[in-house]
Amino acid sequence: MTKPTLRVKEIAKGKGITIESIAKKLGVLPSAVSQSISGNPTLERLGEIASALGVEVSELLAKPATGTIICPNCQTEIKLTAEKV
C-alpha cells in the first residue's frame, strides 16, 4: 500500500501558520511535527495537528483522485461516496 499524502504544509501555509507554531501548540519540538507529517502519524497526532490548524482531520488527507483515501493509521483503503444532502 502507498503512504498517504498529507496536506499539513499546504494548509498551514495557506493559513499563515508555521510548523514551529503548531509544535508550540502541541508542546513538542518542531522536528516531532515534521516527523509526524513526513512519516506515519497516529490518528491521535493527526487530530492534534488538525486542531492546531483549525481543520478537520479529513482535510489533512490529500484529495483523492479515484474516490478513495488511505487511512494514515492502519493503511486501509477507504472508498468515498457522495451523499446528496
Protein backbone atom coordinates (compact mmCIF):
# COMPACT_ATOMS: atom_id res chain seq x y z
CA MET A 1 0.00 0.00 0.00
CA THR A 2 1.09 3.54 -0.61
CA LYS A 3 1.78 6.05 2.11
CA PRO A 4 -0.92 8.73 2.38
CA THR A 5 -0.06 12.24 1.30
CA LEU A 6 -0.83 14.77 3.99
CA ARG A 7 -1.74 18.38 3.25
CA VAL A 8 -0.45 19.80 6.55
CA LYS A 9 2.19 22.08 5.00
CA GLU A 10 -0.20 23.26 2.29
CA ILE A 11 -2.96 24.08 4.79
CA ALA A 12 -0.54 25.68 7.27
CA LYS A 13 0.96 27.87 4.55
CA GLY A 14 -2.49 28.94 3.40
CA LYS A 15 -3.37 29.97 6.95
CA GLY A 16 -0.02 31.63 7.62
CA ILE A 17 0.81 29.08 10.34
CA THR A 18 4.32 27.72 10.77
CA ILE A 19 5.37 24.22 11.78
CA GLU A 20 7.02 25.88 14.78
CA SER A 21 3.71 27.39 15.94
CA ILE A 22 1.96 24.03 15.50
CA ALA A 23 4.70 22.41 17.59
CA LYS A 24 4.31 25.06 20.27
CA LYS A 25 0.55 24.44 20.46
CA LEU A 26 1.20 20.70 20.79
CA GLY A 27 4.01 21.13 23.33
CA VAL A 28 6.53 19.28 21.16
CA LEU A 29 9.61 20.15 19.14
CA PRO A 30 9.16 21.27 15.51
CA SER A 31 11.15 18.21 14.46
CA ALA A 32 8.48 15.98 16.06
CA VAL A 33 5.77 17.64 13.97
CA SER A 34 7.90 17.35 10.83
CA GLN A 35 8.50 13.66 11.51
CA SER A 36 4.78 13.10 12.04
CA ILE A 37 3.76 14.70 8.77
CA SER A 38 6.58 13.05 6.84
CA GLY A 39 6.12 9.61 8.35
CA ASN A 40 3.15 7.62 9.52
CA PRO A 41 1.44 9.67 12.24
CA THR A 42 -1.04 8.19 14.66
CA LEU A 43 -4.67 9.20 14.37
CA GLU A 44 -4.28 10.96 17.72
CA ARG A 45 -1.38 13.06 16.38
CA LEU A 46 -3.36 13.88 13.22
CA GLY A 47 -6.20 15.05 15.44
CA GLU A 48 -3.86 17.28 17.41
CA ILE A 49 -2.37 18.77 14.24
CA ALA A 50 -5.82 19.28 12.73
CA SER A 51 -6.95 21.04 15.90
CA ALA A 52 -3.88 23.29 15.86
CA LEU A 53 -4.71 24.22 12.26
CA GLY A 54 -8.42 24.65 12.96
CA VAL A 55 -9.50 22.00 10.43
CA GLU A 56 -11.00 18.50 10.42
CA VAL A 57 -8.64 15.51 10.20
CA SER A 58 -10.14 14.62 6.82
CA GLU A 59 -8.87 17.94 5.43
CA LEU A 60 -5.29 16.87 6.20
CA LEU A 61 -5.54 14.00 3.76
CA ALA A 62 -4.77 14.56 0.11
CA LYS A 63 -7.84 14.89 -2.01
CA PRO A 64 -8.42 11.50 -3.59
CA ALA A 65 -8.24 11.27 -7.35
CA THR A 66 -10.05 7.95 -7.50
CA GLY A 67 -12.69 8.28 -4.79
CA THR A 68 -10.59 6.53 -2.14
CA ILE A 69 -8.27 7.54 0.66
CA ILE A 70 -5.74 5.54 2.64
CA CYS A 71 -6.15 5.60 6.41
CA PRO A 72 -2.95 7.18 7.78
CA ASN A 73 -3.17 4.99 10.87
CA CYS A 74 -3.78 1.48 9.53
CA GLN A 75 -3.14 1.98 5.79
CA THR A 76 -6.59 0.59 4.90
CA GLU A 77 -8.10 1.87 1.68
CA ILE A 78 -11.42 3.63 2.30
CA LYS A 79 -13.84 4.19 -0.58
CA LEU A 80 -15.58 7.56 -0.52
CA THR A 81 -19.12 8.05 -1.73
CA ALA A 82 -21.06 11.27 -2.06
CA GLU A 83 -24.43 11.66 -0.41
CA LYS A 84 -26.94 14.20 -1.57
CA VAL A 85 -27.94 16.34 1.40
